[in-house]
Amino acid sequence: MTIQLQDICKSVSGKEILKNINWEIGSDDCFLLTGPGGSGKTMLLRLILGLEKPDSGSVNLLGDYKYASVNAGVVFQEDRLCEQFSAVENVAMVNARLSEMVAEEELVKFLPRERLFIPVSELDEVERRLVVMIRALIIPSDLLLLDEVLRGMDEPLRKRVISYIRDKAGHKGIVFVQRDDTSLAFCRRFSLG
């Protein structure tokens, strides 16, 4: 599967955010989407997901693709967790075939077991990002879109998380959106702004 963005233009409140963006993301591709704040990185992800429509240009799904829109595992900038549910419940709820036991097995790779069963509202920022990351990776998908997935993590944890993401991704395309490129030298860069 290849996602092709052709001549994408997008304005918000009369301000042009994206102009003539051309980009292809295929299976096995790993990109670092970079650019200054306000350059349209998050908007570009929303366009890929079909959550927004471009003013002009198109997002095309090439190859023998069985879905009408991109089937992606997504980490948004906001955590989007169910605050009163535990980490295990938040991860298990996204996949009907996933048991809480499997969710726990994945979460315990990064979080102490006693933190898995308290409401996620009581977790710190990094713990919450880990829950969101595991939730995005545990669903069947063809692409991973990871907006600031590494936010707040120190270098040793970043390396562990990146290794986990790459292992879980298999042959899926991966797009990291990060303000800094620490530990992401293996990615091809796509820059905005």
Protein backbone atom coordinates (compact mmCIF):
# COMPACT_ATOMS: atom_id res chain seq x y z
CA MET A 1 0.00 0.00 0.00
CA THR A 2 1.14 3.52 -0.83
CA ILE A 3 -0.42 6.79 0.29
CA GLN A 4 0.12 9.50 -2.27
CA LEU A 5 -0.43 13.17 -1.50
CA GLN A 6 -0.68 15.20 -4.70
CA ASP A 7 -0.52 19.00 -4.76
CA ILE A 8 -2.20 19.34 -1.36
CA CYS A 9 -3.21 22.86 -0.39
CA LYS A 10 -5.03 23.75 2.82
CA SER A 11 -5.97 27.05 4.43
CA VAL A 12 -7.44 27.64 7.87
CA SER A 13 -9.29 30.89 8.67
CA GLY A 14 -7.96 32.41 5.45
CA LYS A 15 -4.33 31.55 6.25
CA GLU A 16 -2.56 29.13 3.93
CA ILE A 17 -1.12 26.30 6.05
CA LEU A 18 -0.07 23.82 3.35
CA LYS A 19 0.86 24.66 -0.26
CA ASN A 20 1.46 22.16 -3.06
CA ILE A 21 2.51 19.26 -0.83
CA ASN A 22 3.59 16.14 -2.72
CA TRP A 23 4.58 13.08 -0.68
CA GLU A 24 4.39 9.30 -0.91
CA ILE A 25 4.38 7.00 2.10
CA GLY A 26 4.69 3.29 1.38
CA SER A 27 4.90 0.09 3.36
CA ASP A 28 8.31 -0.17 5.04
CA ASP A 29 8.82 3.62 4.84
CA CYS A 30 9.81 5.42 8.02
CA PHE A 31 9.57 9.22 7.96
CA LEU A 32 10.25 12.02 10.38
CA LEU A 33 7.80 14.82 9.58
CA THR A 34 9.43 18.06 10.74
CA GLY A 35 8.78 21.78 10.62
CA PRO A 36 8.34 24.73 12.94
CA GLY A 37 5.23 25.15 15.07
CA GLY A 38 2.27 26.13 12.90
CA SER A 39 3.78 24.70 9.70
CA GLY A 40 0.91 22.24 9.24
CA LYS A 41 2.33 18.94 10.50
CA THR A 42 -0.76 17.94 12.46
CA MET A 43 -3.05 19.22 9.69
CA LEU A 44 -1.19 17.02 7.20
CA LEU A 45 -1.84 13.97 9.41
CA ARG A 46 -5.52 14.92 9.64
CA LEU A 47 -5.66 15.11 5.83
CA ILE A 48 -4.04 11.69 5.49
CA LEU A 49 -6.60 10.25 7.91
CA GLY A 50 -9.51 11.88 6.08
CA LEU A 51 -10.46 13.94 9.15
CA GLU A 52 -10.01 17.08 7.05
CA LYS A 53 -10.39 17.68 3.32
CA PRO A 54 -7.78 19.56 1.29
CA ASP A 55 -8.81 22.80 -0.43
CA SER A 56 -7.18 21.36 -3.54
CA GLY A 57 -5.10 18.33 -4.40
CA SER A 58 -5.80 14.77 -3.35
CA VAL A 59 -4.88 11.98 -0.97
CA ASN A 60 -4.80 8.70 -2.91
CA LEU A 61 -4.55 5.13 -1.64
CA LEU A 62 -2.58 3.19 -4.22
CA GLY A 63 -2.33 -0.54 -4.72
CA ASP A 64 -4.83 -3.21 -3.81
CA TYR A 65 -6.30 -1.40 -0.80
CA LYS A 66 -9.46 -2.76 0.80
CA TYR A 67 -10.55 0.32 2.76
CA ALA A 68 -12.09 3.61 1.63
CA SER A 69 -9.77 5.57 3.93
CA VAL A 70 -6.41 5.02 5.59
CA ASN A 71 -6.45 2.31 8.27
CA ALA A 72 -3.94 3.75 10.74
CA GLY A 73 -2.76 3.36 14.31
CA VAL A 74 -2.61 6.97 15.52
CA VAL A 75 -1.05 8.84 18.40
CA PHE A 76 -2.55 12.34 18.44
CA GLN A 77 -0.91 15.30 20.18
CA GLU A 78 -3.64 15.05 22.83
CA ASP A 79 -3.75 11.76 24.74
CA ARG A 80 -7.47 11.11 24.12
CA LEU A 81 -7.70 8.60 26.96
CA CYS A 82 -10.80 7.66 28.93
CA GLU A 83 -9.68 9.33 32.14
CA GLN A 84 -11.48 7.14 34.69
CA PHE A 85 -10.47 3.88 33.00
CA SER A 86 -7.21 2.13 33.79
CA ALA A 87 -4.32 1.82 31.34
CA VAL A 88 -5.32 -1.81 30.72
CA GLU A 89 -8.93 -0.84 29.98
CA ASN A 90 -7.86 2.01 27.67
CA VAL A 91 -5.66 -0.32 25.62
CA ALA A 92 -8.06 -3.29 25.54
CA MET A 93 -11.06 -1.22 24.42
CA VAL A 94 -9.66 -0.43 20.97
CA ASN A 95 -9.61 -4.01 19.75
CA ALA A 96 -12.59 -6.29 20.33
CA ARG A 97 -10.38 -9.37 20.00
CA LEU A 98 -7.90 -8.13 22.57
CA SER A 99 -8.16 -9.34 26.14
CA GLU A 100 -7.16 -7.27 29.12
CA MET A 101 -4.50 -9.91 29.79
CA VAL A 102 -2.81 -9.17 26.44
CA ALA A 103 -3.08 -5.42 27.09
CA GLU A 104 -1.44 -5.95 30.47
CA GLU A 105 1.39 -8.01 28.90
CA GLU A 106 2.20 -5.12 26.55
CA LEU A 107 1.86 -2.35 29.12
CA VAL A 108 4.06 -4.04 31.72
CA LYS A 109 6.96 -3.78 29.26
CA PHE A 110 7.02 -0.05 30.11
CA LEU A 111 4.96 0.58 33.25
CA PRO A 112 5.10 -0.90 36.75
CA ARG A 113 2.28 -3.41 37.19
CA GLU A 114 0.72 -1.42 40.06
CA ARG A 115 0.27 1.58 37.69
CA LEU A 116 -1.75 -0.45 35.17
CA PHE A 117 -4.99 -0.62 37.13
CA ILE A 118 -5.43 2.92 38.45
CA PRO A 119 -7.37 5.57 36.50
CA VAL A 120 -5.14 7.04 33.78
CA SER A 121 -5.97 10.49 35.18
CA GLU A 122 -3.50 9.60 37.97
CA LEU A 123 -0.63 8.79 35.58
CA ASP A 124 2.09 11.32 34.75
CA GLU A 125 2.60 12.70 31.23
CA VAL A 126 5.18 10.10 30.16
CA GLU A 127 3.13 7.19 31.51
CA ARG A 128 0.10 8.50 29.62
CA ARG A 129 2.11 8.75 26.37
CA LEU A 130 3.20 5.13 26.83
CA VAL A 131 -0.42 4.02 27.20
CA VAL A 132 -1.42 5.98 24.08
CA MET A 133 1.52 4.54 22.11
CA ILE A 134 0.71 0.94 23.05
CA ARG A 135 -2.96 1.50 22.28
CA ALA A 136 -2.07 2.76 18.77
CA LEU A 137 0.24 -0.17 18.07
CA ILE A 138 -2.06 -2.92 19.30
CA ILE A 139 -4.79 -2.39 16.72
CA PRO A 140 -4.55 -3.92 13.25
CA SER A 141 -3.46 -1.16 10.87
CA ASP A 142 -1.52 -0.45 7.69
CA LEU A 143 0.20 2.75 8.80
CA LEU A 144 1.37 4.36 12.05
CA LEU A 145 0.99 8.13 12.48
CA LEU A 146 2.74 9.17 15.69
CA ASP A 147 2.38 12.85 16.63
CA GLU A 148 4.81 13.71 19.44
CA VAL A 149 4.76 10.12 20.70
CA LEU A 150 8.14 10.61 22.45
CA ARG A 151 7.19 13.84 24.25
CA GLY A 152 8.72 14.12 27.71
CA MET A 153 10.77 10.90 27.48
CA ASP A 154 14.45 10.75 28.41
CA GLU A 155 16.96 9.30 25.94
CA PRO A 156 17.11 5.71 27.31
CA LEU A 157 13.29 5.46 27.30
CA ARG A 158 13.09 7.02 23.83
CA LYS A 159 15.42 4.32 22.51
CA ARG A 160 13.34 1.54 24.09
CA VAL A 161 10.10 3.01 22.75
CA ILE A 162 11.50 3.46 19.23
CA SER A 163 12.76 -0.13 19.22
CA TYR A 164 9.31 -1.32 20.38
CA ILE A 165 7.54 0.74 17.71
CA ARG A 166 9.79 -0.54 14.92
CA ASP A 167 9.37 -4.13 16.09
CA LYS A 168 5.56 -3.87 16.33
CA ALA A 169 5.26 -2.00 13.02
CA GLY A 170 6.70 -4.83 10.94
CA HIS A 171 6.18 -3.72 7.34
CA LYS A 172 3.82 -0.84 8.10
CA GLY A 173 4.77 2.66 7.10
CA ILE A 174 5.64 4.88 10.07
CA VAL A 175 5.44 8.67 10.32
CA PHE A 176 6.95 10.26 13.42
CA VAL A 177 6.04 13.90 14.01
CA GLN A 178 8.59 15.31 16.46
CA ARG A 179 9.99 18.74 17.21
CA ASP A 180 13.43 17.24 17.73
CA ASP A 181 15.03 14.36 15.91
CA THR A 182 16.88 12.77 18.84
CA SER A 183 17.10 9.00 18.24
CA LEU A 184 15.34 9.28 14.85
CA ALA A 185 18.36 9.48 12.51
CA PHE A 186 17.17 6.25 10.83
CA CYS A 187 14.09 8.06 9.44
CA ARG A 188 13.85 9.82 6.11
CA ARG A 189 12.93 13.46 6.64
CA PHE A 190 9.95 15.27 5.19
CA SER A 191 10.01 18.95 6.14
CA LEU A 192 7.31 21.61 6.12
CA GLY A 193 7.80 25.35 6.40
